[in-house]
Amino acid sequence: MQTDLLDTFLDLAETRSFHRTAERMGITQSTVSARLLALETALGVRLFDRSRAGTDLTTEGKRFEPHARSLRHEWNEARRRILVPAGAGHLARLGIQNDLAAIHLGDWVADFRREYPETAFYIEPDYSNQMCADLLTGTLDFAVMFSPKPHPDLHFETLGDVGYRMVSTLTDRLADVRPESFVFAHFSPAFEELHRQTTPQLTTSPVSVGQSGSVVSLLLAMGGTGYVLDQTAQELIAAGRVRTVEEAPVLRQPVYAAMHIRHRITPLHRRLTRIVGRHLARRIKAASPPDSPGHETDAPA
């Protein structure tokens, strides 16, 4: 099956640019045109109109687009369903937000395996945008992420949230934190915006990273201040390696389950969603001393 024809059509439907699609797919514009022509010939209709104003889907192209997405997803899913590891009854491919993997993955997968002992699990830590793309193509079955990317073929559910606490090797007073020794965190667009709103005086930091583990590495190597996952902060504080920065708000990042829309009511996906939600609820309940009223700040969904 020539799925490259579907991939090219769907990318072009998104970019509306032969040049941009060629760049994104690493092929030439002539290849894009040839693939589109082959697909149009097979369907017997014209899918795009090209003019000076740009490239637009025809009426037939708009009708075909949801079918193309479904065909691509079905094909990739079918390929995976036949490539099951020896000894396993099924294979489930899961994505997890990079920042959550180190702390949460072990507990989650242990419960997954208890519930589905005959299922083999392939797990890949990644970022939200890529996981959304992989769910759309059928490369992933289920994902846990920070930033849902709305799409008619994707279904998202809020699972709970995780907290990030500001720690420092230099000071325990927010007033003493300086931008030049601060590591700015951009764990998600929502988190970054909340971070900027609550600590505008620190937005000129010369270093910015997107993983809690990277923040820790930088703080311990260079000294400084930054936000890290609450559990990581507790461990570092207990070991005497950092201090809590008093008066700095604990920032909360929502966590979402994501799946293809056609899987939203299947038993496997419902069960995985409940397991992750239950573990997150336990983590929040077991969190160290509650902050005073108003100390925690909720990140926008």
Protein backbone atom coordinates (compact mmCIF):
# COMPACT_ATOMS: atom_id res chain seq x y z
CA MET A 1 0.00 0.00 0.00
CA GLN A 2 1.41 3.40 -0.99
CA THR A 3 0.89 5.28 2.24
CA ASP A 4 3.33 7.95 1.05
CA LEU A 5 0.53 9.20 -1.22
CA LEU A 6 -1.77 9.65 1.77
CA ASP A 7 1.01 11.22 3.87
CA THR A 8 1.78 13.71 1.11
CA PHE A 9 -1.88 14.57 0.57
CA LEU A 10 -2.52 15.12 4.29
CA ASP A 11 0.61 17.22 4.76
CA LEU A 12 -0.32 19.36 1.77
CA ALA A 13 -3.85 19.73 3.14
CA GLU A 14 -2.26 21.16 6.29
CA THR A 15 0.42 23.39 4.77
CA ARG A 16 -1.40 24.40 1.56
CA SER A 17 2.10 24.80 0.11
CA PHE A 18 3.96 22.42 -2.20
CA HIS A 19 7.23 24.04 -1.15
CA ARG A 20 6.52 23.68 2.58
CA THR A 21 5.35 20.08 2.23
CA ALA A 22 8.47 19.19 0.25
CA GLU A 23 10.63 20.72 3.02
CA ARG A 24 8.78 18.97 5.83
CA MET A 25 8.85 15.58 4.12
CA GLY A 26 12.42 15.87 2.84
CA ILE A 27 11.45 15.40 -0.80
CA THR A 28 11.38 17.59 -3.91
CA GLN A 29 8.39 19.63 -5.05
CA SER A 30 8.23 17.53 -8.20
CA THR A 31 7.86 14.41 -6.02
CA VAL A 32 5.02 16.08 -4.13
CA SER A 33 3.32 16.87 -7.46
CA ALA A 34 3.88 13.34 -8.78
CA ARG A 35 2.43 11.73 -5.64
CA LEU A 36 -0.58 14.02 -5.72
CA LEU A 37 -1.16 13.26 -9.40
CA ALA A 38 -0.97 9.50 -8.72
CA LEU A 39 -3.55 9.82 -5.94
CA GLU A 40 -5.85 11.98 -8.04
CA THR A 41 -5.59 9.50 -10.90
CA ALA A 42 -6.46 6.60 -8.61
CA LEU A 43 -9.47 8.46 -7.20
CA GLY A 44 -10.54 9.97 -10.49
CA VAL A 45 -10.97 13.46 -9.03
CA ARG A 46 -8.95 16.63 -8.57
CA LEU A 47 -7.99 17.15 -4.93
CA PHE A 48 -6.35 20.59 -5.00
CA ASP A 49 -6.72 23.81 -6.93
CA ARG A 50 -3.52 25.80 -7.46
CA SER A 51 -3.64 29.54 -8.18
CA ARG A 52 -1.69 32.71 -7.52
CA ALA A 53 -3.58 32.98 -4.23
CA GLY A 54 -2.27 29.60 -3.06
CA THR A 55 -3.21 25.94 -2.89
CA ASP A 56 -6.70 24.98 -1.72
CA LEU A 57 -8.59 21.74 -1.34
CA THR A 58 -11.33 21.15 -3.87
CA THR A 59 -14.76 20.03 -2.70
CA GLU A 60 -13.70 16.46 -3.45
CA GLY A 61 -10.44 17.01 -1.56
CA LYS A 62 -12.34 18.18 1.53
CA ARG A 63 -14.54 15.09 1.35
CA PHE A 64 -11.54 12.80 0.98
CA GLU A 65 -9.45 14.31 3.82
CA PRO A 66 -11.15 12.53 6.78
CA HIS A 67 -11.06 9.24 4.84
CA ALA A 68 -7.34 9.74 4.15
CA ARG A 69 -6.66 10.25 7.85
CA SER A 70 -8.67 7.14 8.70
CA LEU A 71 -6.95 5.04 6.01
CA ARG A 72 -3.49 6.05 7.18
CA HIS A 73 -4.32 5.32 10.81
CA GLU A 74 -5.90 1.95 9.99
CA TRP A 75 -2.90 0.90 7.89
CA ASN A 76 -0.32 1.77 10.52
CA GLU A 77 -2.39 0.14 13.23
CA ALA A 78 -2.86 -3.00 11.15
CA ARG A 79 0.91 -3.26 10.57
CA ARG A 80 1.55 -3.01 14.30
CA ARG A 81 -1.13 -5.52 15.20
CA ILE A 82 0.64 -8.20 13.18
CA LEU A 83 4.11 -7.41 14.52
CA VAL A 84 3.49 -8.62 18.08
CA PRO A 85 6.57 -9.83 20.05
CA ALA A 86 6.85 -13.57 20.55
CA GLY A 87 4.93 -14.78 23.58
CA ALA A 88 2.65 -11.74 23.76
CA GLY A 89 -1.01 -11.67 22.85
CA HIS A 90 -1.07 -7.97 21.98
CA LEU A 91 1.21 -4.98 21.57
CA ALA A 92 0.41 -1.50 22.91
CA ARG A 93 2.60 1.45 22.02
CA LEU A 94 2.55 4.21 24.63
CA GLY A 95 3.96 7.72 24.70
CA ILE A 96 4.74 9.64 27.87
CA GLN A 97 5.77 13.23 28.42
CA ASN A 98 9.54 13.35 28.85
CA ASP A 99 9.31 15.07 32.22
CA LEU A 100 7.07 12.37 33.70
CA ALA A 101 8.98 9.29 32.58
CA ALA A 102 11.75 9.13 35.18
CA ILE A 103 9.42 9.48 38.18
CA HIS A 104 6.12 7.93 37.11
CA LEU A 105 6.81 5.39 34.37
CA GLY A 106 7.78 2.47 36.62
CA ASP A 107 4.63 2.58 38.77
CA TRP A 108 2.33 3.06 35.79
CA VAL A 109 3.77 0.23 33.71
CA ALA A 110 3.81 -2.10 36.72
CA ASP A 111 0.05 -1.58 37.02
CA PHE A 112 -0.43 -1.86 33.25
CA ARG A 113 1.33 -5.24 33.30
CA ARG A 114 -0.75 -6.48 36.24
CA GLU A 115 -3.94 -5.58 34.39
CA TYR A 116 -2.78 -6.89 31.00
CA PRO A 117 -0.16 -9.63 31.57
CA GLU A 118 -0.43 -10.91 27.99
CA THR A 119 0.16 -7.49 26.44
CA ALA A 120 3.61 -6.28 25.42
CA PHE A 121 4.20 -2.56 25.99
CA TYR A 122 6.47 -0.37 23.91
CA ILE A 123 7.00 2.94 25.72
CA GLU A 124 8.59 6.05 24.27
CA PRO A 125 9.16 9.29 26.24
CA ASP A 126 8.55 12.28 23.97
CA TYR A 127 7.07 15.77 23.69
CA SER A 128 3.37 16.53 23.25
CA ASN A 129 3.44 17.71 19.63
CA GLN A 130 5.19 14.57 18.41
CA MET A 131 2.94 12.28 20.44
CA CYS A 132 -0.17 13.94 18.95
CA ALA A 133 1.26 13.39 15.46
CA ASP A 134 2.03 9.73 16.27
CA LEU A 135 -1.47 9.12 17.61
CA LEU A 136 -2.91 10.54 14.39
CA THR A 137 -0.84 8.26 12.17
CA GLY A 138 -1.43 5.17 14.34
CA THR A 139 2.19 4.92 15.48
CA LEU A 140 1.06 5.28 19.11
CA ASP A 141 -2.01 3.82 20.83
CA PHE A 142 -2.10 5.94 23.98
CA ALA A 143 -0.16 8.89 25.38
CA VAL A 144 0.19 10.94 28.55
CA MET A 145 1.10 14.54 27.83
CA PHE A 146 1.17 18.17 28.92
CA SER A 147 -0.10 19.98 25.82
CA PRO A 148 -3.08 18.59 23.87
CA LYS A 149 -3.15 19.64 20.23
CA PRO A 150 -6.82 19.87 19.26
CA HIS A 151 -7.73 17.73 16.27
CA PRO A 152 -11.02 16.14 15.17
CA ASP A 153 -9.43 12.66 15.24
CA LEU A 154 -7.96 12.96 18.76
CA HIS A 155 -9.59 12.57 22.17
CA PHE A 156 -8.15 14.09 25.37
CA GLU A 157 -9.03 13.67 29.04
CA THR A 158 -7.69 15.57 32.02
CA LEU A 159 -5.98 13.17 34.45
CA GLY A 160 -4.82 15.53 37.17
CA ASP A 161 -1.69 17.64 37.48
CA VAL A 162 1.90 17.70 38.70
CA GLY A 163 3.56 20.42 40.72
CA TYR A 164 6.83 22.23 40.09
CA ARG A 165 8.69 23.87 42.96
CA MET A 166 11.35 26.56 42.80
CA VAL A 167 14.62 25.45 44.41
CA SER A 168 18.04 27.03 44.63
CA THR A 169 21.63 26.29 45.57
CA LEU A 170 22.11 29.98 46.40
CA THR A 171 19.20 31.36 48.41
CA ASP A 172 15.88 30.59 50.05
CA ARG A 173 14.42 34.06 49.41
CA LEU A 174 12.57 34.90 46.20
CA ALA A 175 13.66 38.52 46.50
CA ASP A 176 17.30 37.41 46.22
CA VAL A 177 16.88 35.33 43.04
CA ARG A 178 18.64 37.00 40.11
CA PRO A 179 17.89 36.42 36.39
CA GLU A 180 21.57 35.82 35.59
CA SER A 181 21.65 32.73 37.85
CA PHE A 182 18.12 31.53 37.04
CA VAL A 183 17.26 28.61 34.74
CA PHE A 184 13.95 29.43 33.03
CA ALA A 185 11.71 26.38 32.45
CA HIS A 186 9.46 25.89 29.43
CA PHE A 187 7.96 22.47 30.18
CA SER A 188 4.87 23.35 28.11
CA PRO A 189 3.40 26.50 26.53
CA ALA A 190 0.87 26.78 29.39
CA PHE A 191 3.59 26.35 32.02
CA GLU A 192 5.87 28.85 30.33
CA GLU A 193 3.09 31.46 30.20
CA LEU A 194 2.23 30.92 33.87
CA HIS A 195 5.93 31.10 34.74
CA ARG A 196 6.20 34.45 32.98
CA GLN A 197 3.09 35.78 34.69
CA THR A 198 4.12 34.78 38.22
CA THR A 199 7.85 35.61 38.00
CA PRO A 200 8.16 38.35 35.34
CA GLN A 201 11.37 39.58 36.93
CA LEU A 202 13.12 36.33 35.93
CA THR A 203 12.15 36.14 32.25
CA THR A 204 15.49 37.56 31.08
CA SER A 205 17.35 34.46 32.26
CA PRO A 206 20.17 33.54 29.84
CA VAL A 207 19.39 29.80 30.09
CA SER A 208 16.07 28.13 29.29
CA VAL A 209 15.32 24.38 29.11
CA GLY A 210 12.31 22.10 28.70
CA GLN A 211 12.98 19.24 31.12
CA SER A 212 13.04 19.12 34.91
CA GLY A 213 16.04 16.78 34.82
CA SER A 214 17.96 19.30 32.73
CA VAL A 215 17.18 22.05 35.23
CA VAL A 216 18.54 19.86 38.03
CA SER A 217 21.71 19.09 36.08
CA LEU A 218 22.36 22.77 35.42
CA LEU A 219 21.69 23.83 39.02
CA LEU A 220 24.00 21.21 40.49
CA ALA A 221 26.77 21.89 37.97
CA MET A 222 26.68 25.70 37.87
CA GLY A 223 24.68 26.72 40.91
CA GLY A 224 21.53 28.76 40.58
CA THR A 225 17.75 28.64 40.87
CA GLY A 226 14.92 27.06 38.89
CA TYR A 227 11.68 25.08 38.88
CA VAL A 228 11.82 21.29 39.13
CA LEU A 229 9.20 18.60 39.68
CA ASP A 230 7.93 18.67 43.25
CA GLN A 231 9.05 15.12 44.03
CA THR A 232 12.51 15.84 42.65
CA ALA A 233 12.65 19.00 44.74
CA GLN A 234 11.79 17.05 47.91
CA GLU A 235 14.55 14.53 47.25
CA LEU A 236 17.16 17.21 46.56
CA ILE A 237 16.13 19.19 49.64
CA ALA A 238 16.26 16.08 51.84
CA ALA A 239 19.78 15.38 50.54
CA GLY A 240 20.85 18.93 51.40
CA ARG A 241 21.69 19.79 47.78
CA VAL A 242 19.21 22.63 47.32
CA ARG A 243 16.84 24.82 49.33
CA THR A 244 13.20 25.70 48.75
CA VAL A 245 12.78 29.28 47.60
CA GLU A 246 10.29 30.71 50.08
CA GLU A 247 7.41 32.79 48.69
CA ALA A 248 7.85 31.31 45.20
CA PRO A 249 4.54 29.79 44.06
CA VAL A 250 4.27 26.09 43.30
CA LEU A 251 3.23 25.95 39.65
CA ARG A 252 0.87 23.17 38.62
CA GLN A 253 0.93 21.58 35.17
CA PRO A 254 -2.18 19.71 33.97
CA VAL A 255 -1.65 16.19 32.64
CA TYR A 256 -3.79 14.68 29.88
CA ALA A 257 -4.49 11.24 28.46
CA ALA A 258 -4.58 11.25 24.66
CA MET A 259 -5.78 8.69 22.14
CA HIS A 260 -7.34 8.39 18.72
CA ILE A 261 -11.03 9.26 18.81
CA ARG A 262 -12.02 5.74 17.78
CA HIS A 263 -10.30 4.31 20.88
CA ARG A 264 -11.91 6.56 23.48
CA ILE A 265 -14.35 3.87 24.72
CA THR A 266 -12.26 0.71 24.28
CA PRO A 267 -11.58 -1.22 27.54
CA LEU A 268 -7.78 -0.99 27.22
CA HIS A 269 -7.71 2.77 26.77
CA ARG A 270 -10.29 3.38 29.51
CA ARG A 271 -8.31 1.23 31.93
CA LEU A 272 -4.97 2.89 31.11
CA THR A 273 -6.59 6.29 31.64
CA ARG A 274 -7.93 5.28 35.06
CA ILE A 275 -4.59 3.80 36.17
CA VAL A 276 -2.63 6.97 35.34
CA GLY A 277 -5.29 9.20 36.90
CA ARG A 278 -5.26 7.15 40.10
CA HIS A 279 -1.47 7.34 40.41
CA LEU A 280 -1.44 11.10 39.88
CA ALA A 281 -4.12 11.54 42.55
CA ARG A 282 -2.03 9.52 45.00
CA ARG A 283 1.07 11.61 44.27
CA ILE A 284 -0.80 14.84 44.93
CA LYS A 285 -2.29 13.49 48.17
CA ALA A 286 1.10 12.27 49.38
CA ALA A 287 2.87 15.53 48.52
CA SER A 288 4.94 17.08 51.29
CA PRO A 289 3.63 19.76 53.64
CA PRO A 290 0.78 21.62 52.02
CA ASP A 291 1.49 25.19 51.06
CA SER A 292 -0.31 28.04 52.69
CA PRO A 293 -3.53 29.26 51.01
CA GLY A 294 -2.77 30.98 47.76
CA HIS A 295 0.76 29.60 47.60
CA GLU A 296 0.00 27.11 44.82
CA THR A 297 -0.96 28.39 41.41
CA ASP A 298 -2.87 26.37 38.84
CA ALA A 299 -1.52 26.32 35.30
CA PRO A 300 -4.24 27.04 32.74
CA ALA A 301 -5.56 24.06 30.80
